[in-house]
Amino acid sequence: MSAPSESGPVDRPVPTAASDSSRDVVLKTEGITKRFGAVVALRGIDIELHRGEVLGLVGDNGAGKSTFVKILCGFLRPDSGRILLHSEEVKFHSVTDARAHGIETVYQDLALVPQLTVHQNLFLNREITFGGPLAFVDNRKMRKLARQYLDAIKVNVPSVDAEVEQLSGGQRQAIAIARATRQDAKILLLDEPLAAMGAKESALVIDLVKDLSRRRDHSIIVIDHNYTHLFELCDRLNVIQHGRVTFDKAVHETSLEELTALMVSEYRRQVQVGDGEDDI
């Protein structure tokens, strides 16, 4: 599949079961564009995310994935286009605004405080207090609630009193995701959630993501450069090339070989003709 021309329509496959209109569309974008001066980052992104679905975003460095996620989480504003939540248009003016609408991002650096305990990180900036104006932190209650919540979503850590720096990479990622969902986020944006993890650690995060989506109706967008991870994690894949979605298929309707061939073909095209477009 070749990349679409800037003026031509995006080539999409016949709609699949994963994109059936009978499923609830919780997040939709229409024609999202973004420029940074002369640099064109996004040229009209259209996606749909359904309730309980894990959508994988694939693309080479500079394709526009990170810019798109920053728009979804309220860090950047689009130049044009619309974001719809449950069929209603929304405009995010900040990350806090997006969080208020139930969208949370978990980045590679996790934004955890390594020297704090598991329960302190789970309640970071939302501590439970008692004592009125004196506002003492209620560590006992936070420990209890942290343990109950982690047990409920099947996250196994040695102790909620353990410092995060003592945990494995998989456990840290699980805590970061758990913090997002405990704060009532129903749409999660995960940036390279399995980066630099071994098989055992990856399995912990994969099981958590699948449980959140299938049993708890969370909708999740995953960015990952490892195609094997995406086929393990996701229900559907979108490829972003030159700031546009050029490929949209359910995982069971495509293959690792097809996806790899698509990306290799695009790479060869860029080498042959020279990539004159300014994408980030």
Protein backbone atom coordinates (compact mmCIF):
# COMPACT_ATOMS: atom_id res chain seq x y z
CA MET A 1 0.00 0.00 0.00
CA SER A 2 1.45 3.34 -0.96
CA ALA A 3 1.10 6.49 1.07
CA PRO A 4 -1.88 8.60 -0.09
CA SER A 5 -1.35 11.86 -1.90
CA GLU A 6 -1.99 14.98 0.12
CA SER A 7 -5.10 15.81 -1.90
CA GLY A 8 -6.42 12.28 -2.37
CA PRO A 9 -8.62 10.21 -0.05
CA VAL A 10 -7.12 7.86 2.50
CA ASP A 11 -7.16 4.26 1.31
CA ARG A 12 -8.99 2.21 3.94
CA PRO A 13 -10.05 -1.43 3.92
CA VAL A 14 -13.64 -2.54 4.07
CA PRO A 15 -14.96 -1.91 7.64
CA THR A 16 -14.37 -4.83 9.95
CA ALA A 17 -16.13 -6.20 13.00
CA ALA A 18 -13.84 -4.09 15.17
CA SER A 19 -15.16 -0.92 13.52
CA ASP A 20 -18.80 -2.00 13.35
CA SER A 21 -21.07 0.96 14.12
CA SER A 22 -23.01 -1.21 16.56
CA ARG A 23 -20.12 -0.89 19.00
CA ASP A 24 -19.93 2.26 21.09
CA VAL A 25 -17.51 4.82 19.69
CA VAL A 26 -16.07 6.54 22.76
CA LEU A 27 -13.48 8.68 20.95
CA LYS A 28 -13.42 9.93 17.38
CA THR A 29 -11.23 12.43 15.58
CA GLU A 30 -12.03 14.07 12.26
CA GLY A 31 -9.45 15.84 10.13
CA ILE A 32 -6.98 16.69 12.90
CA THR A 33 -4.16 18.85 11.54
CA LYS A 34 -1.15 20.43 13.18
CA ARG A 35 1.71 22.61 11.97
CA PHE A 36 4.78 23.93 13.72
CA GLY A 37 5.71 26.84 11.50
CA ALA A 38 6.65 25.35 8.14
CA VAL A 39 6.72 21.83 9.56
CA VAL A 40 3.57 19.79 8.92
CA ALA A 41 3.04 17.24 11.68
CA LEU A 42 -0.54 16.08 11.03
CA ARG A 43 -2.40 16.30 7.71
CA GLY A 44 -5.88 15.14 8.68
CA ILE A 45 -6.05 12.32 11.23
CA ASP A 46 -9.31 10.35 11.39
CA ILE A 47 -9.59 7.58 13.98
CA GLU A 48 -12.28 5.81 15.97
CA LEU A 49 -11.80 4.15 19.34
CA HIS A 50 -14.52 1.84 20.62
CA ARG A 51 -15.55 0.94 24.14
CA GLY A 52 -13.35 -1.82 25.51
CA GLU A 53 -11.01 -1.72 22.50
CA VAL A 54 -7.22 -1.60 22.38
CA LEU A 55 -6.08 0.35 19.33
CA GLY A 56 -2.45 0.23 18.25
CA LEU A 57 -0.80 3.20 16.55
CA VAL A 58 2.09 2.29 14.27
CA GLY A 59 4.43 4.56 12.37
CA ASP A 60 8.05 5.43 11.77
CA ASN A 61 9.76 8.16 13.76
CA GLY A 62 8.43 11.48 12.50
CA ALA A 63 5.12 10.04 11.30
CA GLY A 64 3.08 12.19 13.71
CA LYS A 65 2.09 9.68 16.39
CA SER A 66 3.47 11.63 19.36
CA THR A 67 1.98 14.91 18.15
CA PHE A 68 -1.41 13.26 17.78
CA VAL A 69 -1.29 11.79 21.30
CA LYS A 70 -0.28 15.18 22.72
CA ILE A 71 -3.41 16.64 21.13
CA LEU A 72 -5.61 13.90 22.56
CA CYS A 73 -4.26 14.48 26.07
CA GLY A 74 -4.67 18.27 25.90
CA PHE A 75 -0.97 19.17 25.78
CA LEU A 76 -1.30 20.59 22.26
CA ARG A 77 -4.23 22.10 20.39
CA PRO A 78 -4.98 21.12 16.79
CA ASP A 79 -4.97 23.74 14.06
CA SER A 80 -8.13 22.26 12.60
CA GLY A 81 -10.36 19.21 12.94
CA ARG A 82 -12.61 17.88 15.68
CA ILE A 83 -12.36 15.59 18.71
CA LEU A 84 -15.58 13.87 19.73
CA LEU A 85 -16.22 12.01 22.97
CA HIS A 86 -19.36 9.89 22.91
CA SER A 87 -20.45 11.77 19.76
CA GLU A 88 -20.11 15.21 21.36
CA GLU A 89 -17.39 17.62 20.23
CA VAL A 90 -14.89 18.63 22.90
CA LYS A 91 -12.02 21.09 22.97
CA PHE A 92 -9.19 20.53 25.42
CA HIS A 93 -7.36 23.60 26.67
CA SER A 94 -4.96 21.72 28.95
CA VAL A 95 -3.94 18.28 30.19
CA THR A 96 -6.12 18.87 33.24
CA ASP A 97 -9.06 19.51 30.94
CA ALA A 98 -8.54 16.21 29.12
CA ARG A 99 -8.23 14.39 32.44
CA ALA A 100 -11.54 15.88 33.52
CA HIS A 101 -13.04 14.17 30.47
CA GLY A 102 -11.52 10.82 31.47
CA ILE A 103 -8.40 10.76 29.27
CA GLU A 104 -5.06 9.93 30.86
CA THR A 105 -1.63 9.36 29.33
CA VAL A 106 1.05 7.03 30.68
CA TYR A 107 4.44 7.91 29.19
CA GLN A 108 7.62 5.87 29.09
CA ASP A 109 9.07 7.73 32.08
CA LEU A 110 5.89 6.82 34.01
CA ALA A 111 5.89 10.05 36.09
CA LEU A 112 6.27 7.97 39.25
CA VAL A 113 8.36 9.11 42.22
CA PRO A 114 10.86 6.26 42.78
CA GLN A 115 11.54 7.14 46.44
CA LEU A 116 7.85 7.04 47.39
CA THR A 117 5.95 3.87 48.19
CA VAL A 118 3.42 2.16 45.96
CA HIS A 119 0.44 3.54 47.88
CA GLN A 120 1.92 7.04 47.99
CA ASN A 121 2.36 7.00 44.23
CA LEU A 122 -1.17 5.75 43.67
CA PHE A 123 -2.54 8.69 45.66
CA LEU A 124 0.04 11.25 44.53
CA ASN A 125 -1.50 14.74 44.59
CA ARG A 126 -4.79 13.17 45.68
CA GLU A 127 -3.86 12.14 49.20
CA ILE A 128 -6.55 11.19 51.69
CA THR A 129 -6.41 13.37 54.80
CA PHE A 130 -8.08 13.71 58.17
CA GLY A 131 -8.02 16.17 61.02
CA GLY A 132 -9.79 19.11 59.43
CA PRO A 133 -7.61 22.20 58.96
CA LEU A 134 -4.53 20.29 60.16
CA ALA A 135 -4.91 17.89 57.20
CA PHE A 136 -2.90 14.87 58.33
CA VAL A 137 -2.26 12.32 55.59
CA ASP A 138 -4.22 9.13 56.26
CA ASN A 139 -1.58 6.56 55.28
CA ARG A 140 -3.49 3.70 56.88
CA LYS A 141 -6.55 4.28 54.72
CA MET A 142 -4.45 4.80 51.59
CA ARG A 143 -2.61 1.53 52.22
CA LYS A 144 -5.90 -0.33 52.60
CA LEU A 145 -7.49 1.18 49.49
CA ALA A 146 -4.33 0.70 47.45
CA ARG A 147 -4.17 -2.98 48.34
CA GLN A 148 -7.86 -3.46 47.56
CA TYR A 149 -7.58 -1.72 44.21
CA LEU A 150 -4.43 -3.51 43.09
CA ASP A 151 -5.96 -6.85 44.06
CA ALA A 152 -9.12 -5.98 42.12
CA ILE A 153 -7.20 -5.31 38.90
CA LYS A 154 -4.82 -8.21 39.53
CA VAL A 155 -1.60 -6.25 39.95
CA ASN A 156 0.82 -8.22 42.09
CA VAL A 157 3.38 -6.22 44.07
CA PRO A 158 5.25 -7.44 47.15
CA SER A 159 3.84 -4.70 49.37
CA VAL A 160 2.06 -1.37 48.99
CA ASP A 161 4.74 -0.06 51.39
CA ALA A 162 7.53 -0.99 48.97
CA GLU A 163 9.32 1.93 47.35
CA VAL A 164 8.70 2.07 43.60
CA GLU A 165 12.44 2.02 42.87
CA GLN A 166 12.51 -1.53 44.32
CA LEU A 167 9.97 -2.81 41.76
CA SER A 168 10.59 -4.39 38.37
CA GLY A 169 9.94 -2.46 35.17
CA GLY A 170 6.70 -4.36 34.59
CA GLN A 171 5.47 -3.66 38.12
CA ARG A 172 6.27 0.04 37.75
CA GLN A 173 4.36 0.24 34.48
CA ALA A 174 1.44 -1.55 36.11
CA ILE A 175 1.43 0.94 38.99
CA ALA A 176 1.46 3.87 36.56
CA ILE A 177 -1.50 2.40 34.67
CA ALA A 178 -3.29 1.59 37.93
CA ARG A 179 -2.90 5.18 39.11
CA ALA A 180 -4.48 6.44 35.89
CA THR A 181 -7.47 4.11 36.12
CA ARG A 182 -7.93 4.73 39.85
CA GLN A 183 -8.37 8.40 38.98
CA ASP A 184 -11.43 7.48 36.89
CA ALA A 185 -9.76 7.62 33.47
CA LYS A 186 -11.74 5.51 30.99
CA ILE A 187 -9.52 6.26 27.97
CA LEU A 188 -5.83 5.47 28.36
CA LEU A 189 -3.03 6.54 26.04
CA LEU A 190 0.00 4.29 26.56
CA ASP A 191 3.36 5.37 25.12
CA GLU A 192 5.70 2.39 24.64
CA PRO A 193 4.31 0.48 27.65
CA LEU A 194 6.58 -2.54 27.10
CA ALA A 195 9.84 -0.74 26.30
CA ALA A 196 12.99 -2.51 27.54
CA MET A 197 11.05 -5.25 29.36
CA GLY A 198 11.68 -8.95 29.50
CA ALA A 199 9.03 -11.54 28.68
CA LYS A 200 7.84 -11.97 32.29
CA GLU A 201 7.52 -8.23 32.90
CA SER A 202 5.77 -7.71 29.55
CA ALA A 203 3.27 -10.44 30.39
CA LEU A 204 2.25 -8.57 33.55
CA VAL A 205 1.45 -5.40 31.61
CA ILE A 206 -0.22 -7.25 28.73
CA ASP A 207 -2.51 -9.10 31.14
CA LEU A 208 -3.40 -5.82 32.88
CA VAL A 209 -4.21 -4.02 29.62
CA LYS A 210 -6.35 -6.90 28.39
CA ASP A 211 -8.21 -7.10 31.70
CA LEU A 212 -8.88 -3.36 31.77
CA SER A 213 -10.23 -3.34 28.23
CA ARG A 214 -12.25 -6.56 28.16
CA ARG A 215 -13.54 -6.82 31.72
CA ARG A 216 -13.69 -3.16 32.77
CA ASP A 217 -14.57 -1.42 29.50
CA HIS A 218 -11.54 0.84 29.39
CA SER A 219 -10.60 1.99 25.90
CA ILE A 220 -6.88 2.12 25.21
CA ILE A 221 -4.57 3.52 22.55
CA VAL A 222 -1.10 1.98 22.48
CA ILE A 223 1.99 3.36 20.72
CA ASP A 224 4.70 0.75 20.32
CA HIS A 225 7.48 0.23 17.78
CA ASN A 226 7.53 -3.50 18.48
CA TYR A 227 4.99 -5.07 16.13
CA THR A 228 4.95 -8.33 18.08
CA HIS A 229 3.81 -6.44 21.17
CA LEU A 230 1.05 -4.74 19.20
CA PHE A 231 -0.31 -8.02 17.84
CA GLU A 232 -0.34 -9.39 21.38
CA LEU A 233 -1.95 -6.31 22.94
CA CYS A 234 -4.31 -4.84 20.37
CA ASP A 235 -7.68 -5.49 18.77
CA ARG A 236 -7.05 -3.15 15.82
CA LEU A 237 -4.12 -1.38 14.20
CA ASN A 238 -3.81 2.04 12.56
CA VAL A 239 -0.69 3.00 10.63
CA ILE A 240 0.18 6.71 10.55
CA GLN A 241 2.38 7.83 7.66
CA HIS A 242 3.17 11.46 6.83
CA GLY A 243 0.57 12.69 9.29
CA ARG A 244 -2.30 10.56 8.01
CA VAL A 245 -3.87 7.19 8.80
CA THR A 246 -3.09 4.97 5.81
CA PHE A 247 -4.02 1.56 7.22
CA ASP A 248 -6.88 0.44 9.47
CA LYS A 249 -7.45 -3.24 10.13
CA ALA A 250 -8.50 -5.57 12.91
CA VAL A 251 -5.56 -7.60 14.18
CA HIS A 252 -7.20 -10.88 13.18
CA GLU A 253 -7.54 -9.62 9.58
CA THR A 254 -3.89 -8.75 9.09
CA SER A 255 -0.52 -10.25 9.95
CA LEU A 256 2.93 -9.37 11.16
CA GLU A 257 4.19 -10.05 7.65
CA GLU A 258 1.69 -7.66 6.03
CA LEU A 259 2.44 -4.88 8.49
CA THR A 260 6.20 -5.33 8.11
CA ALA A 261 5.91 -5.35 4.31
CA LEU A 262 3.90 -2.11 4.41
CA MET A 263 6.48 -0.33 6.55
CA VAL A 264 9.42 -1.64 4.52
CA SER A 265 7.71 -0.55 1.29
CA GLU A 266 7.26 2.96 2.63
CA TYR A 267 10.86 3.10 3.79
CA ARG A 268 12.10 2.06 0.34
CA ARG A 269 9.86 4.67 -1.30
CA GLN A 270 11.39 7.38 0.87
CA VAL A 271 14.91 6.21 0.04
CA GLN A 272 14.19 6.17 -3.70
CA VAL A 273 12.38 9.50 -4.06
CA GLY A 274 13.80 11.35 -1.07
CA ASP A 275 11.54 12.41 1.77
CA GLY A 276 10.85 16.08 1.13
CA GLU A 277 7.96 16.35 3.57
CA ASP A 278 8.48 17.87 6.97
CA ASP A 279 6.90 15.43 9.44
CA ILE A 280 7.40 15.01 13.15
